PDB file of all heavy atoms in Angstrom:
ATOM      1  N   PRO A   1     -10.497  -0.859  19.476  1.00  0.00           N
ATOM      2  CA  PRO A   1     -10.551  -1.118  17.981  1.00  0.00           C
ATOM      3  C   PRO A   1      -9.411  -0.266  17.328  1.00  0.00           C
ATOM      4  O   PRO A   1      -9.137   0.870  17.580  1.00  0.00           O
ATOM      5  CB  PRO A   1     -11.915  -0.532  17.556  1.00  0.00           C
ATOM      6  CG  PRO A   1     -12.332   0.355  18.586  1.00  0.00           C
ATOM      7  CD  PRO A   1     -11.693  -0.107  19.796  1.00  0.00           C
ATOM      8  N   LYS A   2      -8.838  -0.906  16.259  1.00  0.00           N
ATOM      9  CA  LYS A   2      -7.787  -0.322  15.521  1.00  0.00           C
ATOM     10  C   LYS A   2      -8.233   0.814  14.594  1.00  0.00           C
ATOM     11  O   LYS A   2      -9.363   0.756  14.071  1.00  0.00           O
ATOM     12  CB  LYS A   2      -7.050  -1.411  14.615  1.00  0.00           C
ATOM     13  CG  LYS A   2      -6.228  -2.412  15.403  1.00  0.00           C
ATOM     14  CD  LYS A   2      -5.343  -3.231  14.587  1.00  0.00           C
ATOM     15  CE  LYS A   2      -4.596  -4.080  15.385  1.00  0.00           C
ATOM     16  NZ  LYS A   2      -3.615  -4.976  14.593  1.00  0.00           N
ATOM     17  N   ASN A   3      -7.400   1.792  14.440  1.00  0.00           N
ATOM     18  CA  ASN A   3      -7.781   2.906  13.581  1.00  0.00           C
ATOM     19  C   ASN A   3      -6.756   3.071  12.514  1.00  0.00           C
ATOM     20  O   ASN A   3      -5.556   3.240  12.606  1.00  0.00           O
ATOM     21  CB  ASN A   3      -7.588   4.182  14.494  1.00  0.00           C
ATOM     22  CG  ASN A   3      -7.768   5.422  13.584  1.00  0.00           C
ATOM     23  OD1 ASN A   3      -8.488   5.466  12.564  1.00  0.00           O
ATOM     24  ND2 ASN A   3      -7.306   6.627  14.099  1.00  0.00           N
ATOM     25  N   PHE A   4      -7.229   2.797  11.249  1.00  0.00           N
ATOM     26  CA  PHE A   4      -6.328   2.634  10.063  1.00  0.00           C
ATOM     27  C   PHE A   4      -6.330   4.000   9.260  1.00  0.00           C
ATOM     28  O   PHE A   4      -5.821   3.984   8.139  1.00  0.00           O
ATOM     29  CB  PHE A   4      -6.837   1.514   9.198  1.00  0.00           C
ATOM     30  CG  PHE A   4      -6.618   0.141   9.801  1.00  0.00           C
ATOM     31  CD1 PHE A   4      -7.698  -0.730   9.749  1.00  0.00           C
ATOM     32  CD2 PHE A   4      -5.348  -0.244  10.156  1.00  0.00           C
ATOM     33  CE1 PHE A   4      -7.559  -1.904  10.421  1.00  0.00           C
ATOM     34  CE2 PHE A   4      -5.235  -1.439  10.724  1.00  0.00           C
ATOM     35  CZ  PHE A   4      -6.319  -2.360  10.880  1.00  0.00           C
ATOM     36  N   HIS A   5      -6.765   5.086   9.849  1.00  0.00           N
ATOM     37  CA  HIS A   5      -6.580   6.360   9.222  1.00  0.00           C
ATOM     38  C   HIS A   5      -5.124   6.825   9.243  1.00  0.00           C
ATOM     39  O   HIS A   5      -4.358   6.199   9.863  1.00  0.00           O
ATOM     40  CB  HIS A   5      -7.558   7.414   9.933  1.00  0.00           C
ATOM     41  CG  HIS A   5      -8.938   7.136   9.704  1.00  0.00           C
ATOM     42  ND1 HIS A   5      -9.598   7.311   8.514  1.00  0.00           N
ATOM     43  CD2 HIS A   5      -9.973   6.561  10.562  1.00  0.00           C
ATOM     44  CE1 HIS A   5     -10.933   6.961   8.667  1.00  0.00           C
ATOM     45  NE2 HIS A   5     -11.107   6.463   9.862  1.00  0.00           N
ATOM     46  N   ILE A   6      -4.943   7.987   8.565  1.00  0.00           N
ATOM     47  CA  ILE A   6      -3.524   8.486   8.519  1.00  0.00           C
ATOM     48  C   ILE A   6      -3.070   8.794   9.856  1.00  0.00           C
ATOM     49  O   ILE A   6      -3.724   9.435  10.725  1.00  0.00           O
ATOM     50  CB  ILE A   6      -3.469   9.705   7.598  1.00  0.00           C
ATOM     51  CG1 ILE A   6      -3.839   9.438   6.196  1.00  0.00           C
ATOM     52  CG2 ILE A   6      -2.120  10.433   7.690  1.00  0.00           C
ATOM     53  CD1 ILE A   6      -4.000  10.587   5.280  1.00  0.00           C
ATOM     54  N   GLY A   7      -1.830   8.391  10.283  1.00  0.00           N
ATOM     55  CA  GLY A   7      -1.417   8.542  11.535  1.00  0.00           C
ATOM     56  C   GLY A   7      -1.745   7.415  12.565  1.00  0.00           C
ATOM     57  O   GLY A   7      -1.415   7.543  13.791  1.00  0.00           O
ATOM     58  N   GLY A   8      -2.600   6.583  12.150  1.00  0.00           N
ATOM     59  CA  GLY A   8      -3.180   5.619  13.090  1.00  0.00           C
ATOM     60  C   GLY A   8      -2.317   4.301  13.098  1.00  0.00           C
ATOM     61  O   GLY A   8      -1.071   4.359  12.930  1.00  0.00           O
ATOM     62  N   ASP A   9      -3.023   3.203  13.182  1.00  0.00           N
ATOM     63  CA  ASP A   9      -2.286   1.919  13.258  1.00  0.00           C
ATOM     64  C   ASP A   9      -1.676   1.528  11.890  1.00  0.00           C
ATOM     65  O   ASP A   9      -2.034   2.012  10.878  1.00  0.00           O
ATOM     66  CB  ASP A   9      -3.343   0.776  13.698  1.00  0.00           C
ATOM     67  CG  ASP A   9      -3.733   0.997  15.147  1.00  0.00           C
ATOM     68  OD1 ASP A   9      -2.908   1.158  16.012  1.00  0.00           O
ATOM     69  OD2 ASP A   9      -4.980   1.122  15.288  1.00  0.00           O
ATOM     70  N   VAL A  10      -0.704   0.644  11.992  1.00  0.00           N
ATOM     71  CA  VAL A  10       0.038   0.028  10.790  1.00  0.00           C
ATOM     72  C   VAL A  10      -1.006  -0.663   9.978  1.00  0.00           C
ATOM     73  O   VAL A  10      -1.745  -1.539  10.488  1.00  0.00           O
ATOM     74  CB  VAL A  10       1.139  -0.857  11.191  1.00  0.00           C
ATOM     75  CG1 VAL A  10       1.922  -1.362   9.948  1.00  0.00           C
ATOM     76  CG2 VAL A  10       2.195   0.053  12.044  1.00  0.00           C
ATOM     77  N   GLN A  11      -0.966  -0.299   8.603  1.00  0.00           N
ATOM     78  CA  GLN A  11      -1.907  -0.975   7.719  1.00  0.00           C
ATOM     79  C   GLN A  11      -1.574  -2.500   7.671  1.00  0.00           C
ATOM     80  O   GLN A  11      -0.367  -2.916   7.725  1.00  0.00           O
ATOM     81  CB  GLN A  11      -1.770  -0.383   6.344  1.00  0.00           C
ATOM     82  CG  GLN A  11      -2.213   0.989   6.309  1.00  0.00           C
ATOM     83  CD  GLN A  11      -3.764   1.144   6.209  1.00  0.00           C
ATOM     84  OE1 GLN A  11      -4.399   0.093   5.892  1.00  0.00           O
ATOM     85  NE2 GLN A  11      -4.336   2.254   6.599  1.00  0.00           N
ATOM     86  N   PRO A  12      -2.614  -3.399   7.435  1.00  0.00           N
ATOM     87  CA  PRO A  12      -2.301  -4.848   7.209  1.00  0.00           C
ATOM     88  C   PRO A  12      -1.575  -5.097   5.879  1.00  0.00           C
ATOM     89  O   PRO A  12      -1.760  -4.306   4.914  1.00  0.00           O
ATOM     90  CB  PRO A  12      -3.601  -5.517   7.365  1.00  0.00           C
ATOM     91  CG  PRO A  12      -4.548  -4.355   6.916  1.00  0.00           C
ATOM     92  CD  PRO A  12      -3.991  -3.112   7.462  1.00  0.00           C
ATOM     93  N   LYS A  13      -0.811  -6.166   5.819  1.00  0.00           N
ATOM     94  CA  LYS A  13      -0.125  -6.485   4.479  1.00  0.00           C
ATOM     95  C   LYS A  13      -1.191  -6.965   3.476  1.00  0.00           C
ATOM     96  O   LYS A  13      -2.002  -7.854   3.812  1.00  0.00           O
ATOM     97  CB  LYS A  13       0.937  -7.484   4.717  1.00  0.00           C
ATOM     98  CG  LYS A  13       2.116  -7.050   5.465  1.00  0.00           C
ATOM     99  CD  LYS A  13       3.152  -8.068   5.581  1.00  0.00           C
ATOM    100  CE  LYS A  13       4.510  -7.459   6.227  1.00  0.00           C
ATOM    101  NZ  LYS A  13       5.561  -8.530   6.326  1.00  0.00           N
ATOM    102  N   ARG A  14      -0.977  -6.400   2.312  1.00  0.00           N
ATOM    103  CA  ARG A  14      -1.986  -6.837   1.278  1.00  0.00           C
ATOM    104  C   ARG A  14      -1.174  -7.224  -0.016  1.00  0.00           C
ATOM    105  O   ARG A  14      -0.010  -6.818  -0.178  1.00  0.00           O
ATOM    106  CB  ARG A  14      -2.856  -5.685   0.786  1.00  0.00           C
ATOM    107  CG  ARG A  14      -3.754  -5.129   1.888  1.00  0.00           C
ATOM    108  CD  ARG A  14      -4.655  -3.993   1.440  1.00  0.00           C
ATOM    109  NE  ARG A  14      -5.664  -3.597   2.479  1.00  0.00           N
ATOM    110  CZ  ARG A  14      -5.306  -2.632   3.280  1.00  0.00           C
ATOM    111  NH1 ARG A  14      -4.152  -1.976   3.247  1.00  0.00           N
ATOM    112  NH2 ARG A  14      -6.182  -2.244   4.203  1.00  0.00           N
ATOM    113  N   ASP A  15      -1.733  -8.079  -0.798  1.00  0.00           N
ATOM    114  CA  ASP A  15      -1.086  -8.577  -2.049  1.00  0.00           C
ATOM    115  C   ASP A  15      -1.393  -7.462  -3.098  1.00  0.00           C
ATOM    116  O   ASP A  15      -2.420  -7.348  -3.657  1.00  0.00           O
ATOM    117  CB  ASP A  15      -1.644  -9.935  -2.482  1.00  0.00           C
ATOM    118  CG  ASP A  15      -0.944 -10.503  -3.641  1.00  0.00           C
ATOM    119  OD1 ASP A  15       0.137  -9.956  -4.091  1.00  0.00           O
ATOM    120  OD2 ASP A  15      -1.437 -11.396  -4.275  1.00  0.00           O
ATOM    121  N   LEU A  16      -0.225  -6.741  -3.504  1.00  0.00           N
ATOM    122  CA  LEU A  16      -0.348  -5.590  -4.422  1.00  0.00           C
ATOM    123  C   LEU A  16       0.275  -5.991  -5.780  1.00  0.00           C
ATOM    124  O   LEU A  16       0.555  -5.133  -6.517  1.00  0.00           O
ATOM    125  CB  LEU A  16       0.336  -4.369  -3.842  1.00  0.00           C
ATOM    126  CG  LEU A  16      -0.176  -3.867  -2.494  1.00  0.00           C
ATOM    127  CD1 LEU A  16       0.584  -2.654  -1.949  1.00  0.00           C
ATOM    128  CD2 LEU A  16      -1.667  -3.445  -2.618  1.00  0.00           C
ATOM    129  N   THR A  17       0.349  -7.402  -6.016  1.00  0.00           N
ATOM    130  CA  THR A  17       0.930  -7.730  -7.316  1.00  0.00           C
ATOM    131  C   THR A  17       0.250  -7.090  -8.481  1.00  0.00           C
ATOM    132  O   THR A  17       0.849  -6.767  -9.486  1.00  0.00           O
ATOM    133  CB  THR A  17       0.934  -9.290  -7.382  1.00  0.00           C
ATOM    134  OG1 THR A  17       1.551  -9.751  -6.197  1.00  0.00           O
ATOM    135  CG2 THR A  17       1.706  -9.700  -8.538  1.00  0.00           C
ATOM    136  N   HIS A  18      -1.214  -7.086  -8.486  1.00  0.00           N
ATOM    137  CA  HIS A  18      -1.988  -6.678  -9.541  1.00  0.00           C
ATOM    138  C   HIS A  18      -1.938  -5.203  -9.875  1.00  0.00           C
ATOM    139  O   HIS A  18      -2.186  -4.860 -11.027  1.00  0.00           O
ATOM    140  CB  HIS A  18      -3.368  -7.136  -9.325  1.00  0.00           C
ATOM    141  CG  HIS A  18      -4.023  -6.466  -8.116  1.00  0.00           C
ATOM    142  ND1 HIS A  18      -3.747  -6.700  -6.867  1.00  0.00           N
ATOM    143  CD2 HIS A  18      -4.977  -5.452  -8.021  1.00  0.00           C
ATOM    144  CE1 HIS A  18      -4.458  -6.047  -6.089  1.00  0.00           C
ATOM    145  NE2 HIS A  18      -5.268  -5.307  -6.739  1.00  0.00           N
ATOM    146  N   VAL A  19      -1.432  -4.407  -8.909  1.00  0.00           N
ATOM    147  CA  VAL A  19      -1.336  -2.982  -9.107  1.00  0.00           C
ATOM    148  C   VAL A  19       0.173  -2.529  -9.258  1.00  0.00           C
ATOM    149  O   VAL A  19       0.406  -1.365  -9.359  1.00  0.00           O
ATOM    150  CB  VAL A  19      -1.976  -2.242  -7.991  1.00  0.00           C
ATOM    151  CG1 VAL A  19      -3.491  -2.403  -7.978  1.00  0.00           C
ATOM    152  CG2 VAL A  19      -1.406  -2.533  -6.597  1.00  0.00           C
ATOM    153  N   MET A  20       1.059  -3.551  -9.183  1.00  0.00           N
ATOM    154  CA  MET A  20       2.473  -3.166  -9.200  1.00  0.00           C
ATOM    155  C   MET A  20       2.916  -2.960 -10.666  1.00  0.00           C
ATOM    156  O   MET A  20       2.478  -3.589 -11.515  1.00  0.00           O
ATOM    157  CB  MET A  20       3.394  -4.340  -8.589  1.00  0.00           C
ATOM    158  CG  MET A  20       4.959  -4.081  -8.722  1.00  0.00           C
ATOM    159  SD  MET A  20       5.748  -5.409  -7.937  1.00  0.00           S
ATOM    160  CE  MET A  20       7.359  -4.906  -8.464  1.00  0.00           C
ATOM    161  N   LYS A  21       3.640  -1.850 -10.842  1.00  0.00           N
ATOM    162  CA  LYS A  21       4.262  -1.639 -12.193  1.00  0.00           C
ATOM    163  C   LYS A  21       5.613  -2.371 -12.361  1.00  0.00           C
ATOM    164  O   LYS A  21       6.518  -1.909 -11.726  1.00  0.00           O
ATOM    165  CB  LYS A  21       4.432  -0.052 -12.449  1.00  0.00           C
ATOM    166  CG  LYS A  21       4.861   0.181 -13.922  1.00  0.00           C
ATOM    167  CD  LYS A  21       4.748   1.637 -14.194  1.00  0.00           C
ATOM    168  CE  LYS A  21       5.115   1.928 -15.642  1.00  0.00           C
ATOM    169  NZ  LYS A  21       5.085   3.358 -15.995  1.00  0.00           N
ATOM    170  N   TRP A  22       5.583  -3.449 -13.084  1.00  0.00           N
ATOM    171  CA  TRP A  22       6.754  -4.264 -13.215  1.00  0.00           C
ATOM    172  C   TRP A  22       7.782  -3.462 -14.120  1.00  0.00           C
ATOM    173  O   TRP A  22       7.419  -2.664 -14.908  1.00  0.00           O
ATOM    174  CB  TRP A  22       6.585  -5.582 -13.812  1.00  0.00           C
ATOM    175  CG  TRP A  22       5.683  -6.475 -12.838  1.00  0.00           C
ATOM    176  CD1 TRP A  22       4.318  -6.557 -12.690  1.00  0.00           C
ATOM    177  CD2 TRP A  22       6.231  -7.277 -11.830  1.00  0.00           C
ATOM    178  NE1 TRP A  22       3.913  -7.371 -11.853  1.00  0.00           N
ATOM    179  CE2 TRP A  22       5.062  -7.843 -11.156  1.00  0.00           C
ATOM    180  CE3 TRP A  22       7.419  -7.605 -11.392  1.00  0.00           C
ATOM    181  CZ2 TRP A  22       5.216  -8.792 -10.102  1.00  0.00           C
ATOM    182  CZ3 TRP A  22       7.543  -8.466 -10.324  1.00  0.00           C
ATOM    183  CH2 TRP A  22       6.473  -9.033  -9.641  1.00  0.00           C
ATOM    184  N   PRO A  23       9.150  -3.811 -14.018  1.00  0.00           N
ATOM    185  CA  PRO A  23      10.080  -3.279 -14.975  1.00  0.00           C
ATOM    186  C   PRO A  23       9.762  -3.569 -16.401  1.00  0.00           C
ATOM    187  O   PRO A  23       9.097  -4.632 -16.615  1.00  0.00           O
ATOM    188  CB  PRO A  23      11.431  -3.871 -14.509  1.00  0.00           C
ATOM    189  CG  PRO A  23      11.168  -4.420 -13.129  1.00  0.00           C
ATOM    190  CD  PRO A  23       9.799  -4.654 -13.028  1.00  0.00           C
ATOM    191  N   LYS A  24      10.208  -2.742 -17.275  1.00  0.00           N
ATOM    192  CA  LYS A  24       9.938  -2.925 -18.677  1.00  0.00           C
ATOM    193  C   LYS A  24      10.329  -4.273 -19.235  1.00  0.00           C
ATOM    194  O   LYS A  24       9.611  -4.925 -20.074  1.00  0.00           O
ATOM    195  CB  LYS A  24      10.513  -1.751 -19.528  1.00  0.00           C
ATOM    196  CG  LYS A  24       9.952  -1.659 -20.976  1.00  0.00           C
ATOM    197  CD  LYS A  24      10.437  -0.481 -21.663  1.00  0.00           C
ATOM    198  CE  LYS A  24       9.882  -0.467 -23.062  1.00  0.00           C
ATOM    199  NZ  LYS A  24      10.346   0.775 -23.908  1.00  0.00           N
ATOM    200  N   TYR A  25      11.575  -4.693 -18.850  1.00  0.00           N
ATOM    201  CA  TYR A  25      12.057  -5.997 -19.473  1.00  0.00           C
ATOM    202  C   TYR A  25      11.218  -7.124 -18.992  1.00  0.00           C
ATOM    203  O   TYR A  25      11.082  -8.155 -19.660  1.00  0.00           O
ATOM    204  CB  TYR A  25      13.586  -6.137 -19.046  1.00  0.00           C
ATOM    205  CG  TYR A  25      13.811  -6.651 -17.589  1.00  0.00           C
ATOM    206  CD1 TYR A  25      13.999  -7.982 -17.290  1.00  0.00           C
ATOM    207  CD2 TYR A  25      13.876  -5.632 -16.562  1.00  0.00           C
ATOM    208  CE1 TYR A  25      14.144  -8.401 -16.004  1.00  0.00           C
ATOM    209  CE2 TYR A  25      14.105  -6.209 -15.262  1.00  0.00           C
ATOM    210  CZ  TYR A  25      14.290  -7.496 -15.018  1.00  0.00           C
ATOM    211  OH  TYR A  25      14.522  -7.957 -13.738  1.00  0.00           O
ATOM    212  N   VAL A  26      10.577  -7.127 -17.657  1.00  0.00           N
ATOM    213  CA  VAL A  26       9.803  -8.144 -17.314  1.00  0.00           C
ATOM    214  C   VAL A  26       8.430  -8.124 -18.106  1.00  0.00           C
ATOM    215  O   VAL A  26       7.944  -9.204 -18.446  1.00  0.00           O
ATOM    216  CB  VAL A  26       9.429  -8.060 -15.751  1.00  0.00           C
ATOM    217  CG1 VAL A  26       8.470  -9.021 -15.243  1.00  0.00           C
ATOM    218  CG2 VAL A  26      10.777  -8.133 -14.892  1.00  0.00           C
ATOM    219  N   ARG A  27       7.919  -6.929 -18.330  1.00  0.00           N
ATOM    220  CA  ARG A  27       6.642  -6.910 -19.060  1.00  0.00           C
ATOM    221  C   ARG A  27       6.893  -7.425 -20.486  1.00  0.00           C
ATOM    222  O   ARG A  27       6.006  -8.071 -21.038  1.00  0.00           O
ATOM    223  CB  ARG A  27       6.184  -5.360 -19.092  1.00  0.00           C
ATOM    224  CG  ARG A  27       5.454  -5.000 -17.874  1.00  0.00           C
ATOM    225  CD  ARG A  27       5.095  -3.526 -17.849  1.00  0.00           C
ATOM    226  NE  ARG A  27       6.099  -2.702 -17.651  1.00  0.00           N
ATOM    227  CZ  ARG A  27       6.173  -1.479 -18.112  1.00  0.00           C
ATOM    228  NH1 ARG A  27       5.393  -1.049 -18.967  1.00  0.00           N
ATOM    229  NH2 ARG A  27       7.237  -0.656 -17.702  1.00  0.00           N
ATOM    230  N   LEU A  28       8.040  -6.997 -21.137  1.00  0.00           N
ATOM    231  CA  LEU A  28       8.374  -7.513 -22.439  1.00  0.00           C
ATOM    232  C   LEU A  28       8.472  -9.061 -22.473  1.00  0.00           C
ATOM    233  O   LEU A  28       8.042  -9.652 -23.430  1.00  0.00           O
ATOM    234  CB  LEU A  28       9.619  -6.878 -23.006  1.00  0.00           C
ATOM    235  CG  LEU A  28       9.515  -5.451 -23.373  1.00  0.00           C
ATOM    236  CD1 LEU A  28      10.828  -4.799 -23.703  1.00  0.00           C
ATOM    237  CD2 LEU A  28       8.529  -5.218 -24.505  1.00  0.00           C
ATOM    238  N   GLN A  29       9.096  -9.554 -21.522  1.00  0.00           N
ATOM    239  CA  GLN A  29       9.248 -11.060 -21.505  1.00  0.00           C
ATOM    240  C   GLN A  29       7.934 -11.726 -21.353  1.00  0.00           C
ATOM    241  O   GLN A  29       7.622 -12.697 -22.124  1.00  0.00           O
ATOM    242  CB  GLN A  29      10.072 -11.507 -20.251  1.00  0.00           C
ATOM    243  CG  GLN A  29      11.542 -11.215 -20.242  1.00  0.00           C
ATOM    244  CD  GLN A  29      12.303 -11.511 -18.991  1.00  0.00           C
ATOM    245  OE1 GLN A  29      11.615 -11.726 -18.032  1.00  0.00           O
ATOM    246  NE2 GLN A  29      13.606 -11.468 -19.081  1.00  0.00           N
ATOM    247  N   ARG A  30       7.036 -11.210 -20.508  1.00  0.00           N
ATOM    248  CA  ARG A  30       5.749 -11.873 -20.255  1.00  0.00           C
ATOM    249  C   ARG A  30       4.819 -11.657 -21.545  1.00  0.00           C
ATOM    250  O   ARG A  30       4.072 -12.581 -21.962  1.00  0.00           O
ATOM    251  CB  ARG A  30       5.035 -11.272 -19.092  1.00  0.00           C
ATOM    252  CG  ARG A  30       5.773 -11.516 -17.832  1.00  0.00           C
ATOM    253  CD  ARG A  30       5.066 -10.939 -16.680  1.00  0.00           C
ATOM    254  NE  ARG A  30       5.753 -11.417 -15.386  1.00  0.00           N
ATOM    255  CZ  ARG A  30       5.555 -10.933 -14.163  1.00  0.00           C
ATOM    256  NH1 ARG A  30       4.494 -10.199 -14.087  1.00  0.00           N
ATOM    257  NH2 ARG A  30       6.163 -11.356 -13.167  1.00  0.00           N
ATOM    258  N   GLN A  31       4.903 -10.520 -22.231  1.00  0.00           N
ATOM    259  CA  GLN A  31       4.129 -10.228 -23.441  1.00  0.00           C
ATOM    260  C   GLN A  31       4.562 -11.130 -24.528  1.00  0.00           C
ATOM    261  O   GLN A  31       3.872 -11.619 -25.370  1.00  0.00           O
ATOM    262  CB  GLN A  31       4.269  -8.754 -23.863  1.00  0.00           C
ATOM    263  CG  GLN A  31       3.437  -7.774 -22.976  1.00  0.00           C
ATOM    264  CD  GLN A  31       3.858  -6.284 -23.151  1.00  0.00           C
ATOM    265  OE1 GLN A  31       4.709  -6.115 -23.993  1.00  0.00           O
ATOM    266  NE2 GLN A  31       3.361  -5.439 -22.381  1.00  0.00           N
ATOM    267  N   LYS A  32       5.925 -11.387 -24.675  1.00  0.00           N
ATOM    268  CA  LYS A  32       6.425 -12.270 -25.657  1.00  0.00           C
ATOM    269  C   LYS A  32       5.909 -13.765 -25.463  1.00  0.00           C
ATOM    270  O   LYS A  32       5.572 -14.395 -26.455  1.00  0.00           O
ATOM    271  CB  LYS A  32       7.950 -12.260 -25.605  1.00  0.00           C
ATOM    272  CG  LYS A  32       8.661 -13.035 -26.734  1.00  0.00           C
ATOM    273  CD  LYS A  32      10.052 -12.998 -26.583  1.00  0.00           C
ATOM    274  CE  LYS A  32      10.723 -13.912 -27.653  1.00  0.00           C
ATOM    275  NZ  LYS A  32      12.229 -13.840 -27.451  1.00  0.00           N
ATOM    276  N   VAL A  33       5.824 -14.171 -24.230  1.00  0.00           N
ATOM    277  CA  VAL A  33       5.396 -15.491 -23.968  1.00  0.00           C
ATOM    278  C   VAL A  33       3.947 -15.608 -24.371  1.00  0.00           C
ATOM    279  O   VAL A  33       3.489 -16.666 -25.043  1.00  0.00           O
ATOM    280  CB  VAL A  33       5.543 -15.850 -22.439  1.00  0.00           C
ATOM    281  CG1 VAL A  33       4.900 -17.073 -22.043  1.00  0.00           C
ATOM    282  CG2 VAL A  33       7.001 -15.956 -22.097  1.00  0.00           C
ATOM    283  N   VAL A  34       3.092 -14.616 -24.027  1.00  0.00           N
ATOM    284  CA  VAL A  34       1.722 -14.662 -24.348  1.00  0.00           C
ATOM    285  C   VAL A  34       1.554 -14.616 -25.885  1.00  0.00           C
ATOM    286  O   VAL A  34       0.699 -15.319 -26.406  1.00  0.00           O
ATOM    287  CB  VAL A  34       0.946 -13.461 -23.673  1.00  0.00           C
ATOM    288  CG1 VAL A  34      -0.484 -13.338 -24.189  1.00  0.00           C
ATOM    289  CG2 VAL A  34       1.069 -13.609 -22.243  1.00  0.00           C
ATOM    290  N   LEU A  35       2.306 -13.823 -26.667  1.00  0.00           N
ATOM    291  CA  LEU A  35       2.130 -13.703 -28.027  1.00  0.00           C
ATOM    292  C   LEU A  35       2.562 -15.032 -28.700  1.00  0.00           C
ATOM    293  O   LEU A  35       1.825 -15.434 -29.668  1.00  0.00           O
ATOM    294  CB  LEU A  35       3.032 -12.519 -28.576  1.00  0.00           C
ATOM    295  CG  LEU A  35       2.429 -11.073 -28.496  1.00  0.00           C
ATOM    296  CD1 LEU A  35       3.581 -10.174 -28.946  1.00  0.00           C
ATOM    297  CD2 LEU A  35       1.207 -11.010 -29.313  1.00  0.00           C
ATOM    298  N   ASN A  36       3.576 -15.702 -28.182  1.00  0.00           N
ATOM    299  CA  ASN A  36       3.941 -16.982 -28.729  1.00  0.00           C
ATOM    300  C   ASN A  36       2.867 -18.026 -28.572  1.00  0.00           C
ATOM    301  O   ASN A  36       2.817 -18.943 -29.392  1.00  0.00           O
ATOM    302  CB  ASN A  36       5.290 -17.457 -28.063  1.00  0.00           C
ATOM    303  CG  ASN A  36       6.403 -16.629 -28.706  1.00  0.00           C
ATOM    304  OD1 ASN A  36       6.414 -16.201 -29.793  1.00  0.00           O
ATOM    305  ND2 ASN A  36       7.536 -16.594 -27.952  1.00  0.00           N
ATOM    306  N   LYS A  37       2.085 -17.795 -27.533  1.00  0.00           N
ATOM    307  CA  LYS A  37       0.966 -18.747 -27.361  1.00  0.00           C
ATOM    308  C   LYS A  37      -0.192 -18.473 -28.215  1.00  0.00           C
ATOM    309  O   LYS A  37      -0.833 -19.351 -28.778  1.00  0.00           O
ATOM    310  CB  LYS A  37       0.469 -18.715 -25.822  1.00  0.00           C
ATOM    311  CG  LYS A  37       1.422 -19.470 -24.980  1.00  0.00           C
ATOM    312  CD  LYS A  37       0.834 -19.400 -23.481  1.00  0.00           C
ATOM    313  CE  LYS A  37       1.834 -20.017 -22.460  1.00  0.00           C
ATOM    314  NZ  LYS A  37       1.321 -19.962 -21.135  1.00  0.00           N
ATOM    315  N   ARG A  38      -0.508 -17.159 -28.438  1.00  0.00           N
ATOM    316  CA  ARG A  38      -1.640 -16.726 -29.223  1.00  0.00           C
ATOM    317  C   ARG A  38      -1.538 -16.768 -30.670  1.00  0.00           C
ATOM    318  O   ARG A  38      -2.381 -17.271 -31.406  1.00  0.00           O
ATOM    319  CB  ARG A  38      -2.147 -15.340 -28.729  1.00  0.00           C
ATOM    320  CG  ARG A  38      -2.316 -15.178 -27.291  1.00  0.00           C
ATOM    321  CD  ARG A  38      -3.610 -15.697 -26.858  1.00  0.00           C
ATOM    322  NE  ARG A  38      -3.749 -15.570 -25.369  1.00  0.00           N
ATOM    323  CZ  ARG A  38      -3.472 -16.470 -24.508  1.00  0.00           C
ATOM    324  NH1 ARG A  38      -2.932 -17.669 -24.897  1.00  0.00           N
ATOM    325  NH2 ARG A  38      -3.602 -16.335 -23.185  1.00  0.00           N
ATOM    326  N   LEU A  39      -0.420 -16.331 -31.243  1.00  0.00           N
ATOM    327  CA  LEU A  39      -0.167 -16.195 -32.602  1.00  0.00           C
ATOM    328  C   LEU A  39       0.253 -17.524 -33.121  1.00  0.00           C
ATOM    329  O   LEU A  39       0.771 -18.456 -32.479  1.00  0.00           O
ATOM    330  CB  LEU A  39       0.819 -15.178 -32.953  1.00  0.00           C
ATOM    331  CG  LEU A  39       0.553 -13.796 -32.453  1.00  0.00           C
ATOM    332  CD1 LEU A  39       1.764 -12.857 -32.830  1.00  0.00           C
ATOM    333  CD2 LEU A  39      -0.743 -13.248 -33.086  1.00  0.00           C
ATOM    334  N   LYS A  40       0.058 -17.733 -34.536  1.00  0.00           N
ATOM    335  CA  LYS A  40       0.604 -18.865 -35.135  1.00  0.00           C
ATOM    336  C   LYS A  40       2.122 -18.802 -35.292  1.00  0.00           C
ATOM    337  O   LYS A  40       2.686 -17.748 -35.708  1.00  0.00           O
ATOM    338  CB  LYS A  40       0.084 -19.012 -36.526  1.00  0.00           C
ATOM    339  CG  LYS A  40      -1.399 -19.690 -36.511  1.00  0.00           C
ATOM    340  CD  LYS A  40      -1.791 -20.063 -37.871  1.00  0.00           C
ATOM    341  CE  LYS A  40      -3.111 -20.958 -37.901  1.00  0.00           C
ATOM    342  NZ  LYS A  40      -3.411 -21.232 -39.278  1.00  0.00           N
ATOM    343  N   VAL A  41       2.859 -19.853 -34.818  1.00  0.00           N
ATOM    344  CA  VAL A  41       4.247 -19.818 -34.776  1.00  0.00           C
ATOM    345  C   VAL A  41       4.856 -20.765 -35.985  1.00  0.00           C
ATOM    346  O   VAL A  41       4.322 -21.953 -35.993  1.00  0.00           O
ATOM    347  CB  VAL A  41       4.839 -20.300 -33.436  1.00  0.00           C
ATOM    348  CG1 VAL A  41       6.343 -20.312 -33.459  1.00  0.00           C
ATOM    349  CG2 VAL A  41       4.335 -19.446 -32.329  1.00  0.00           C
ATOM    350  N   PRO A  42       5.643 -20.262 -36.846  1.00  0.00           N
ATOM    351  CA  PRO A  42       6.138 -21.092 -37.888  1.00  0.00           C
ATOM    352  C   PRO A  42       6.849 -22.295 -37.386  1.00  0.00           C
ATOM    353  O   PRO A  42       7.465 -22.354 -36.382  1.00  0.00           O
ATOM    354  CB  PRO A  42       7.032 -20.163 -38.701  1.00  0.00           C
ATOM    355  CG  PRO A  42       6.673 -18.770 -38.281  1.00  0.00           C
ATOM    356  CD  PRO A  42       6.150 -18.890 -36.897  1.00  0.00           C
ATOM    357  N   PRO A  43       6.972 -23.422 -38.228  1.00  0.00           N
ATOM    358  CA  PRO A  43       7.670 -24.650 -37.751  1.00  0.00           C
ATOM    359  C   PRO A  43       9.195 -24.436 -37.369  1.00  0.00           C
ATOM    360  O   PRO A  43       9.603 -25.042 -36.473  1.00  0.00           O
ATOM    361  CB  PRO A  43       7.363 -25.595 -38.907  1.00  0.00           C
ATOM    362  CG  PRO A  43       6.197 -25.142 -39.634  1.00  0.00           C
ATOM    363  CD  PRO A  43       6.262 -23.702 -39.465  1.00  0.00           C
TER     364      PRO A  43
END
């Protein structure tokens, strides 16, 4: 059986997108898109 403790077997690949700290410009782009959807936008 595999041992996943420190110094043991290689850890399996996991999707860490939800815990990744994205660069500031990416976060600002995404926040702007969300705000444009939520707030009232003038004609």
